[in-house]
Amino acid sequence: MVGIDVADAGVCNLRCTLAYNIRRGRYWIASATCGASIHGLGLITAATILAEVGDPSHFTTGSQLVKLVGIHPVPNTSGSKTRSRTPMSHKGRPRLRTALYFAAMRLVQVDEDFARLYQHYRQRDENPLLKLQALGAVMNRLMRILWALMRHQTLYQPGWYSRT
């Protein structure tokens, strides 16, 4: 009878695990849909970003997620020499960074809010950014927006996150 009890416990454990995974699967689909609610960001791109990020509830702030991606600016100096104007760290997940790069490029072309943000970074009076620096700043903003959408399970509303 001990073998049957062990088998019953194993089946119960498998059922619990399966039910948990089904609930998590629904959560992943809902999170990808939240990310895809941004005009110009497709479901496949949102799912790719979500797959690379994992569970967004593990991050307490959007800046933690930005560091995971490796798009936060870091100074590039050694002694008194400065090699460039604050490049990206490039520490983190390269596939996620690539997906964000192409998503940001598309959003700058298609979405009015992101295009306005990009132009603001390029043409501001104090410290205007170069093209790739501005695109990196847009990537940073996009990652923070995606974190908020996935964390709170809401859809994107244009103009919601604009501070400029």
N, C-alpha and C. Protein backbone atom coordinates (compact mmCIF):
# COMPACT_ATOMS: atom_id res chain seq x y z
N MET A 1 0.80 -1.20 0.00
CA MET A 1 0.00 0.00 0.00
C MET A 1 0.84 1.27 0.00
N VAL A 2 2.07 1.15 0.45
CA VAL A 2 2.94 2.32 0.50
C VAL A 2 3.20 2.83 -0.91
N GLY A 3 3.37 1.93 -1.86
CA GLY A 3 3.62 2.33 -3.24
C GLY A 3 2.46 3.11 -3.84
N ILE A 4 1.23 2.73 -3.49
CA ILE A 4 0.05 3.42 -3.99
C ILE A 4 -0.04 4.82 -3.38
N ASP A 5 0.27 4.94 -2.10
CA ASP A 5 0.24 6.25 -1.45
C ASP A 5 1.26 7.19 -2.07
N VAL A 6 2.44 6.67 -2.37
CA VAL A 6 3.49 7.49 -3.00
C VAL A 6 3.05 7.90 -4.39
N ALA A 7 2.45 6.98 -5.12
CA ALA A 7 1.97 7.30 -6.47
C ALA A 7 0.86 8.34 -6.42
N ASP A 8 -0.05 8.21 -5.44
CA ASP A 8 -1.13 9.20 -5.30
C ASP A 8 -0.56 10.58 -4.97
N ALA A 9 0.43 10.61 -4.10
CA ALA A 9 1.07 11.89 -3.75
C ALA A 9 1.76 12.49 -4.97
N GLY A 10 2.38 11.65 -5.79
CA GLY A 10 3.04 12.14 -7.01
C GLY A 10 2.04 12.70 -8.01
N VAL A 11 0.90 12.02 -8.17
CA VAL A 11 -0.14 12.50 -9.08
C VAL A 11 -0.71 13.82 -8.57
N CYS A 12 -0.93 13.93 -7.28
CA CYS A 12 -1.45 15.17 -6.70
C CYS A 12 -0.46 16.31 -6.92
N ASN A 13 0.82 16.01 -6.75
CA ASN A 13 1.86 17.02 -6.97
C ASN A 13 1.89 17.46 -8.43
N LEU A 14 1.76 16.51 -9.35
CA LEU A 14 1.73 16.85 -10.78
C LEU A 14 0.51 17.70 -11.13
N ARG A 15 -0.64 17.38 -10.54
CA ARG A 15 -1.85 18.18 -10.79
C ARG A 15 -1.67 19.62 -10.30
N CYS A 16 -1.09 19.76 -9.12
CA CYS A 16 -0.86 21.11 -8.58
C CYS A 16 0.11 21.88 -9.46
N THR A 17 1.17 21.21 -9.90
CA THR A 17 2.15 21.86 -10.78
C THR A 17 1.52 22.25 -12.10
N LEU A 18 0.71 21.37 -12.67
CA LEU A 18 0.03 21.67 -13.93
C LEU A 18 -0.92 22.85 -13.79
N ALA A 19 -1.70 22.87 -12.70
CA ALA A 19 -2.63 23.98 -12.48
C ALA A 19 -1.86 25.29 -12.32
N TYR A 20 -0.74 25.24 -11.62
CA TYR A 20 0.08 26.45 -11.44
C TYR A 20 0.60 26.93 -12.79
N ASN A 21 1.10 26.01 -13.62
CA ASN A 21 1.65 26.40 -14.93
C ASN A 21 0.58 26.94 -15.86
N ILE A 22 -0.63 26.41 -15.78
CA ILE A 22 -1.73 26.94 -16.60
C ILE A 22 -2.05 28.37 -16.18
N ARG A 23 -2.10 28.61 -14.86
CA ARG A 23 -2.34 29.98 -14.40
C ARG A 23 -1.22 30.91 -14.84
N ARG A 24 0.02 30.45 -14.77
CA ARG A 24 1.16 31.27 -15.19
C ARG A 24 1.10 31.52 -16.70
N GLY A 25 0.68 30.51 -17.47
CA GLY A 25 0.56 30.69 -18.91
C GLY A 25 -0.45 31.77 -19.27
N ARG A 26 -1.56 31.79 -18.56
CA ARG A 26 -2.55 32.85 -18.78
C ARG A 26 -1.95 34.21 -18.44
N TYR A 27 -1.15 34.26 -17.38
CA TYR A 27 -0.50 35.51 -16.99
C TYR A 27 0.47 35.97 -18.08
N TRP A 28 1.23 35.03 -18.65
CA TRP A 28 2.19 35.40 -19.70
C TRP A 28 1.48 35.94 -20.93
N ILE A 29 0.38 35.29 -21.32
CA ILE A 29 -0.36 35.77 -22.48
C ILE A 29 -0.93 37.16 -22.22
N ALA A 30 -1.46 37.37 -21.02
CA ALA A 30 -1.99 38.69 -20.67
C ALA A 30 -0.89 39.74 -20.66
N SER A 31 0.29 39.39 -20.16
CA SER A 31 1.41 40.34 -20.13
C SER A 31 1.87 40.69 -21.54
N ALA A 32 1.95 39.69 -22.42
CA ALA A 32 2.34 39.97 -23.80
C ALA A 32 1.31 40.84 -24.49
N THR A 33 0.04 40.63 -24.20
CA THR A 33 -1.01 41.46 -24.78
C THR A 33 -0.90 42.90 -24.28
N CYS A 34 -0.56 43.08 -23.01
CA CYS A 34 -0.36 44.43 -22.47
C CYS A 34 0.77 45.13 -23.20
N GLY A 35 1.86 44.42 -23.44
CA GLY A 35 2.99 45.02 -24.15
C GLY A 35 2.66 45.32 -25.59
N ALA A 36 1.86 44.45 -26.22
CA ALA A 36 1.51 44.66 -27.62
C ALA A 36 0.46 45.75 -27.80
N SER A 37 -0.07 46.30 -26.70
CA SER A 37 -1.05 47.36 -26.83
C SER A 37 -0.42 48.69 -27.26
N ILE A 38 0.90 48.76 -27.27
CA ILE A 38 1.60 49.95 -27.78
C ILE A 38 1.54 49.90 -29.30
N HIS A 39 1.06 50.98 -29.91
CA HIS A 39 0.93 51.04 -31.37
C HIS A 39 2.32 50.91 -32.01
N GLY A 40 2.51 49.88 -32.83
CA GLY A 40 3.78 49.66 -33.50
C GLY A 40 4.60 48.55 -32.88
N LEU A 41 4.19 48.07 -31.73
CA LEU A 41 4.90 46.97 -31.07
C LEU A 41 4.05 45.72 -31.24
N GLY A 42 4.57 44.75 -31.98
CA GLY A 42 3.80 43.55 -32.28
C GLY A 42 3.76 42.57 -31.14
N LEU A 43 2.87 41.60 -31.26
CA LEU A 43 2.71 40.58 -30.23
C LEU A 43 3.96 39.71 -30.11
N ILE A 44 4.60 39.42 -31.24
CA ILE A 44 5.79 38.58 -31.21
C ILE A 44 6.94 39.32 -30.52
N THR A 45 7.09 40.61 -30.80
CA THR A 45 8.13 41.39 -30.15
C THR A 45 7.86 41.50 -28.65
N ALA A 46 6.62 41.74 -28.29
CA ALA A 46 6.26 41.82 -26.86
C ALA A 46 6.50 40.48 -26.18
N ALA A 47 6.17 39.38 -26.84
CA ALA A 47 6.38 38.06 -26.26
C ALA A 47 7.88 37.75 -26.14
N THR A 48 8.67 38.20 -27.12
CA THR A 48 10.12 38.00 -27.05
C THR A 48 10.71 38.75 -25.87
N ILE A 49 10.29 39.99 -25.70
CA ILE A 49 10.78 40.79 -24.58
C ILE A 49 10.35 40.15 -23.26
N LEU A 50 9.12 39.70 -23.18
CA LEU A 50 8.61 39.08 -21.96
C LEU A 50 9.35 37.77 -21.67
N ALA A 51 9.63 36.99 -22.72
CA ALA A 51 10.36 35.74 -22.51
C ALA A 51 11.77 35.98 -21.99
N GLU A 52 12.41 37.03 -22.47
CA GLU A 52 13.76 37.34 -22.00
C GLU A 52 13.75 37.93 -20.60
N VAL A 53 12.73 38.71 -20.28
CA VAL A 53 12.65 39.35 -18.96
C VAL A 53 12.28 38.33 -17.89
N GLY A 54 11.35 37.46 -18.20
CA GLY A 54 10.84 36.56 -17.17
C GLY A 54 9.66 37.20 -16.47
N ASP A 55 9.50 36.89 -15.22
CA ASP A 55 8.37 37.41 -14.45
C ASP A 55 8.67 38.85 -14.04
N PRO A 56 7.90 39.83 -14.53
CA PRO A 56 8.18 41.22 -14.18
C PRO A 56 7.91 41.55 -12.72
N SER A 57 7.20 40.69 -12.01
CA SER A 57 6.95 40.97 -10.60
C SER A 57 8.19 40.75 -9.74
N HIS A 58 9.24 40.16 -10.31
CA HIS A 58 10.49 40.01 -9.58
C HIS A 58 11.26 41.32 -9.46
N PHE A 59 10.86 42.32 -10.23
CA PHE A 59 11.54 43.60 -10.23
C PHE A 59 10.66 44.62 -9.51
N THR A 60 11.25 45.34 -8.56
CA THR A 60 10.46 46.31 -7.81
C THR A 60 10.37 47.65 -8.53
N THR A 61 11.34 47.96 -9.37
CA THR A 61 11.31 49.22 -10.13
C THR A 61 11.67 48.95 -11.58
N GLY A 62 11.31 49.88 -12.44
CA GLY A 62 11.67 49.76 -13.85
C GLY A 62 13.17 49.90 -14.07
N SER A 63 13.85 50.63 -13.20
CA SER A 63 15.29 50.82 -13.39
C SER A 63 16.06 49.51 -13.17
N GLN A 64 15.54 48.61 -12.35
CA GLN A 64 16.16 47.30 -12.20
C GLN A 64 16.09 46.52 -13.51
N LEU A 65 14.99 46.66 -14.19
CA LEU A 65 14.81 45.99 -15.47
C LEU A 65 15.72 46.60 -16.54
N VAL A 66 15.89 47.91 -16.48
CA VAL A 66 16.79 48.59 -17.42
C VAL A 66 18.22 48.08 -17.23
N LYS A 67 18.62 47.85 -15.97
CA LYS A 67 19.95 47.31 -15.71
C LYS A 67 20.06 45.87 -16.20
N LEU A 68 18.98 45.09 -16.11
CA LEU A 68 19.00 43.72 -16.62
C LEU A 68 19.26 43.73 -18.12
N VAL A 69 18.68 44.68 -18.81
CA VAL A 69 18.85 44.77 -20.25
C VAL A 69 20.26 45.25 -20.60
N GLY A 70 20.81 46.14 -19.77
CA GLY A 70 22.14 46.67 -20.04
C GLY A 70 22.11 47.92 -20.89
N ILE A 71 21.05 48.72 -20.76
CA ILE A 71 20.96 49.94 -21.57
C ILE A 71 21.10 51.19 -20.72
N HIS A 72 21.49 51.04 -19.46
CA HIS A 72 21.69 52.22 -18.63
C HIS A 72 23.04 52.85 -18.97
N PRO A 73 23.12 54.18 -18.98
CA PRO A 73 24.37 54.84 -19.33
C PRO A 73 25.40 54.72 -18.21
N VAL A 74 26.65 54.48 -18.59
CA VAL A 74 27.75 54.40 -17.64
C VAL A 74 28.89 55.28 -18.14
N PRO A 75 29.61 55.94 -17.24
CA PRO A 75 30.76 56.74 -17.69
C PRO A 75 31.88 55.84 -18.17
N ASN A 76 32.56 56.25 -19.22
CA ASN A 76 33.66 55.48 -19.80
C ASN A 76 34.93 56.29 -19.66
N THR A 77 35.49 56.32 -18.45
CA THR A 77 36.69 57.11 -18.19
C THR A 77 37.73 56.25 -17.51
N SER A 78 38.96 56.64 -17.69
CA SER A 78 40.08 56.00 -17.01
C SER A 78 41.06 57.11 -16.67
N GLY A 79 41.16 57.43 -15.41
CA GLY A 79 42.01 58.55 -15.02
C GLY A 79 41.40 59.84 -15.49
N SER A 80 42.15 60.58 -16.29
CA SER A 80 41.64 61.86 -16.81
C SER A 80 41.15 61.74 -18.24
N LYS A 81 41.19 60.54 -18.81
CA LYS A 81 40.77 60.33 -20.20
C LYS A 81 39.31 59.91 -20.26
N THR A 82 38.59 60.52 -21.16
CA THR A 82 37.21 60.15 -21.41
C THR A 82 37.13 59.60 -22.83
N ARG A 83 36.70 58.35 -22.97
CA ARG A 83 36.71 57.70 -24.28
C ARG A 83 35.48 58.05 -25.11
N SER A 84 34.34 58.17 -24.50
CA SER A 84 33.15 58.52 -25.26
C SER A 84 32.16 59.21 -24.34
N ARG A 85 31.04 59.63 -24.90
CA ARG A 85 30.05 60.39 -24.15
C ARG A 85 29.02 59.47 -23.51
N THR A 86 29.38 58.82 -22.45
CA THR A 86 28.49 57.99 -21.65
C THR A 86 27.76 56.94 -22.49
N PRO A 87 28.44 55.85 -22.84
CA PRO A 87 27.79 54.80 -23.62
C PRO A 87 26.90 53.91 -22.76
N MET A 88 26.20 52.99 -23.41
CA MET A 88 25.42 51.98 -22.70
C MET A 88 26.38 51.03 -22.03
N SER A 89 25.93 50.38 -20.98
CA SER A 89 26.81 49.47 -20.25
C SER A 89 27.06 48.18 -21.04
N HIS A 90 26.10 47.72 -21.82
CA HIS A 90 26.16 46.46 -22.58
C HIS A 90 26.35 45.25 -21.69
N LYS A 91 26.10 45.41 -20.39
CA LYS A 91 26.04 44.26 -19.50
C LYS A 91 24.59 43.86 -19.44
N GLY A 92 24.33 42.60 -19.45
CA GLY A 92 22.94 42.16 -19.43
C GLY A 92 22.66 41.21 -20.57
N ARG A 93 21.45 41.17 -20.98
CA ARG A 93 21.00 40.19 -21.97
C ARG A 93 21.02 40.78 -23.38
N PRO A 94 21.90 40.28 -24.23
CA PRO A 94 22.02 40.86 -25.57
C PRO A 94 20.80 40.66 -26.46
N ARG A 95 20.12 39.51 -26.36
CA ARG A 95 18.92 39.29 -27.19
C ARG A 95 17.80 40.25 -26.80
N LEU A 96 17.68 40.51 -25.52
CA LEU A 96 16.68 41.46 -25.05
C LEU A 96 17.03 42.87 -25.52
N ARG A 97 18.30 43.21 -25.48
CA ARG A 97 18.74 44.52 -25.95
C ARG A 97 18.49 44.67 -27.44
N THR A 98 18.72 43.61 -28.21
CA THR A 98 18.48 43.65 -29.66
C THR A 98 16.99 43.81 -29.94
N ALA A 99 16.15 43.07 -29.24
CA ALA A 99 14.70 43.19 -29.44
C ALA A 99 14.22 44.59 -29.09
N LEU A 100 14.76 45.17 -28.02
CA LEU A 100 14.37 46.53 -27.64
C LEU A 100 14.86 47.54 -28.66
N TYR A 101 16.05 47.32 -29.21
CA TYR A 101 16.59 48.24 -30.21
C TYR A 101 15.68 48.32 -31.42
N PHE A 102 15.31 47.15 -31.95
CA PHE A 102 14.45 47.14 -33.14
C PHE A 102 13.04 47.64 -32.82
N ALA A 103 12.56 47.35 -31.61
CA ALA A 103 11.24 47.86 -31.21
C ALA A 103 11.27 49.38 -31.10
N ALA A 104 12.34 49.93 -30.53
CA ALA A 104 12.45 51.38 -30.40
C ALA A 104 12.57 52.04 -31.78
N MET A 105 13.32 51.42 -32.68
CA MET A 105 13.43 51.96 -34.04
C MET A 105 12.05 52.02 -34.69
N ARG A 106 11.29 50.97 -34.56
CA ARG A 106 9.95 50.92 -35.15
C ARG A 106 9.02 51.94 -34.50
N LEU A 107 9.08 52.05 -33.18
CA LEU A 107 8.20 52.97 -32.49
C LEU A 107 8.51 54.43 -32.82
N VAL A 108 9.77 54.74 -33.03
CA VAL A 108 10.13 56.11 -33.41
C VAL A 108 9.55 56.43 -34.79
N GLN A 109 9.45 55.43 -35.65
CA GLN A 109 8.90 55.64 -36.99
C GLN A 109 7.37 55.71 -36.98
N VAL A 110 6.73 54.92 -36.11
CA VAL A 110 5.28 54.73 -36.21
C VAL A 110 4.50 55.50 -35.14
N ASP A 111 4.95 55.45 -33.91
CA ASP A 111 4.18 56.02 -32.80
C ASP A 111 4.52 57.50 -32.61
N GLU A 112 3.51 58.31 -32.51
CA GLU A 112 3.68 59.76 -32.41
C GLU A 112 4.37 60.18 -31.11
N ASP A 113 4.02 59.54 -30.00
CA ASP A 113 4.62 59.90 -28.70
C ASP A 113 6.11 59.57 -28.67
N PHE A 114 6.47 58.39 -29.16
CA PHE A 114 7.88 58.01 -29.15
C PHE A 114 8.69 58.85 -30.15
N ALA A 115 8.08 59.21 -31.28
CA ALA A 115 8.77 60.08 -32.23
C ALA A 115 9.01 61.46 -31.62
N ARG A 116 8.02 61.96 -30.91
CA ARG A 116 8.18 63.26 -30.24
C ARG A 116 9.25 63.20 -29.16
N LEU A 117 9.29 62.10 -28.42
CA LEU A 117 10.31 61.92 -27.38
C LEU A 117 11.71 61.86 -27.99
N TYR A 118 11.84 61.13 -29.09
CA TYR A 118 13.13 61.02 -29.78
C TYR A 118 13.59 62.40 -30.28
N GLN A 119 12.68 63.15 -30.89
CA GLN A 119 13.04 64.48 -31.38
C GLN A 119 13.39 65.42 -30.22
N HIS A 120 12.72 65.27 -29.10
CA HIS A 120 13.03 66.08 -27.93
C HIS A 120 14.47 65.82 -27.48
N TYR A 121 14.86 64.56 -27.40
CA TYR A 121 16.23 64.24 -26.99
C TYR A 121 17.25 64.75 -28.00
N ARG A 122 16.90 64.72 -29.27
CA ARG A 122 17.84 65.16 -30.32
C ARG A 122 17.97 66.68 -30.39
N GLN A 123 16.90 67.42 -30.12
CA GLN A 123 16.89 68.85 -30.38
C GLN A 123 16.77 69.72 -29.14
N ARG A 124 16.91 69.16 -27.96
CA ARG A 124 16.77 69.98 -26.76
C ARG A 124 17.92 70.99 -26.69
N ASP A 125 17.67 72.11 -26.04
CA ASP A 125 18.64 73.20 -26.01
C ASP A 125 19.89 72.82 -25.20
N GLU A 126 19.69 72.21 -24.06
CA GLU A 126 20.81 71.86 -23.21
C GLU A 126 21.13 70.37 -23.37
N ASN A 127 22.34 70.06 -23.78
CA ASN A 127 22.83 68.70 -23.94
C ASN A 127 22.00 67.87 -24.93
N PRO A 128 21.94 68.28 -26.20
CA PRO A 128 21.23 67.43 -27.17
C PRO A 128 22.00 66.13 -27.38
N LEU A 129 21.28 65.05 -27.61
CA LEU A 129 21.90 63.75 -27.75
C LEU A 129 22.14 63.41 -29.22
N LEU A 130 23.13 62.56 -29.46
CA LEU A 130 23.36 62.03 -30.80
C LEU A 130 22.27 61.01 -31.12
N LYS A 131 22.23 60.55 -32.38
CA LYS A 131 21.14 59.66 -32.80
C LYS A 131 21.05 58.39 -31.96
N LEU A 132 22.15 57.68 -31.80
CA LEU A 132 22.11 56.44 -31.05
C LEU A 132 21.91 56.68 -29.55
N GLN A 133 22.41 57.79 -29.04
CA GLN A 133 22.16 58.11 -27.64
C GLN A 133 20.68 58.38 -27.40
N ALA A 134 20.06 59.10 -28.32
CA ALA A 134 18.63 59.36 -28.20
C ALA A 134 17.83 58.06 -28.32
N LEU A 135 18.26 57.19 -29.21
CA LEU A 135 17.58 55.91 -29.35
C LEU A 135 17.76 55.06 -28.08
N GLY A 136 18.92 55.14 -27.46
CA GLY A 136 19.13 54.45 -26.19
C GLY A 136 18.22 54.98 -25.10
N ALA A 137 18.00 56.29 -25.09
CA ALA A 137 17.08 56.89 -24.11
C ALA A 137 15.64 56.45 -24.38
N VAL A 138 15.28 56.30 -25.65
CA VAL A 138 13.94 55.81 -26.01
C VAL A 138 13.80 54.34 -25.59
N MET A 139 14.86 53.56 -25.78
CA MET A 139 14.84 52.17 -25.33
C MET A 139 14.62 52.09 -23.81
N ASN A 140 15.31 52.96 -23.11
CA ASN A 140 15.18 53.02 -21.65
C ASN A 140 13.73 53.33 -21.26
N ARG A 141 13.14 54.33 -21.89
CA ARG A 141 11.76 54.71 -21.61
C ARG A 141 10.80 53.57 -21.98
N LEU A 142 11.04 52.92 -23.13
CA LEU A 142 10.19 51.82 -23.55
C LEU A 142 10.23 50.67 -22.54
N MET A 143 11.41 50.36 -22.02
CA MET A 143 11.52 49.27 -21.06
C MET A 143 10.78 49.60 -19.77
N ARG A 144 10.85 50.85 -19.33
CA ARG A 144 10.13 51.26 -18.13
C ARG A 144 8.61 51.20 -18.35
N ILE A 145 8.17 51.60 -19.52
CA ILE A 145 6.74 51.54 -19.84
C ILE A 145 6.26 50.10 -19.88
N LEU A 146 7.04 49.23 -20.55
CA LEU A 146 6.66 47.82 -20.62
C LEU A 146 6.62 47.19 -19.23
N TRP A 147 7.57 47.56 -18.38
CA TRP A 147 7.56 47.03 -17.01
C TRP A 147 6.26 47.43 -16.29
N ALA A 148 5.89 48.70 -16.43
CA ALA A 148 4.68 49.18 -15.75
C ALA A 148 3.44 48.49 -16.31
N LEU A 149 3.38 48.32 -17.62
CA LEU A 149 2.21 47.67 -18.22
C LEU A 149 2.09 46.22 -17.77
N MET A 150 3.20 45.50 -17.80
CA MET A 150 3.17 44.10 -17.41
C MET A 150 2.95 43.93 -15.91
N ARG A 151 3.53 44.80 -15.14
CA ARG A 151 3.40 44.70 -13.68
C ARG A 151 1.97 44.95 -13.22
N HIS A 152 1.32 45.95 -13.82
CA HIS A 152 -0.03 46.32 -13.40
C HIS A 152 -1.13 45.73 -14.29
N GLN A 153 -0.73 44.96 -15.33
CA GLN A 153 -1.68 44.30 -16.23
C GLN A 153 -2.66 45.31 -16.82
N THR A 154 -2.14 46.40 -17.36
CA THR A 154 -2.97 47.42 -17.99
C THR A 154 -2.56 47.58 -19.45
N LEU A 155 -3.40 48.21 -20.22
CA LEU A 155 -3.10 48.48 -21.62
C LEU A 155 -2.50 49.88 -21.74
N TYR A 156 -1.71 50.07 -22.77
CA TYR A 156 -1.03 51.35 -22.99
C TYR A 156 -2.03 52.38 -23.49
N GLN A 157 -1.93 53.57 -22.92
CA GLN A 157 -2.74 54.69 -23.37
C GLN A 157 -1.79 55.77 -23.87
N PRO A 158 -1.87 56.16 -25.14
CA PRO A 158 -0.95 57.16 -25.68
C PRO A 158 -0.96 58.44 -24.85
N GLY A 159 0.23 58.96 -24.63
CA GLY A 159 0.36 60.19 -23.86
C GLY A 159 0.37 59.98 -22.36
N TRP A 160 0.22 58.72 -21.92
CA TRP A 160 0.13 58.42 -20.51
C TRP A 160 1.45 58.66 -19.78
N TYR A 161 2.57 58.36 -20.42
CA TYR A 161 3.85 58.40 -19.74
C TYR A 161 4.69 59.59 -20.18
N SER A 162 4.12 60.54 -20.86
CA SER A 162 4.95 61.64 -21.38
C SER A 162 5.23 62.65 -20.30
N ARG A 163 6.53 62.95 -20.13
CA ARG A 163 6.97 63.94 -19.18
C ARG A 163 7.61 65.14 -19.89
N THR A 164 7.77 65.03 -21.19
CA THR A 164 8.46 66.08 -21.93
C THR A 164 7.49 67.16 -22.35
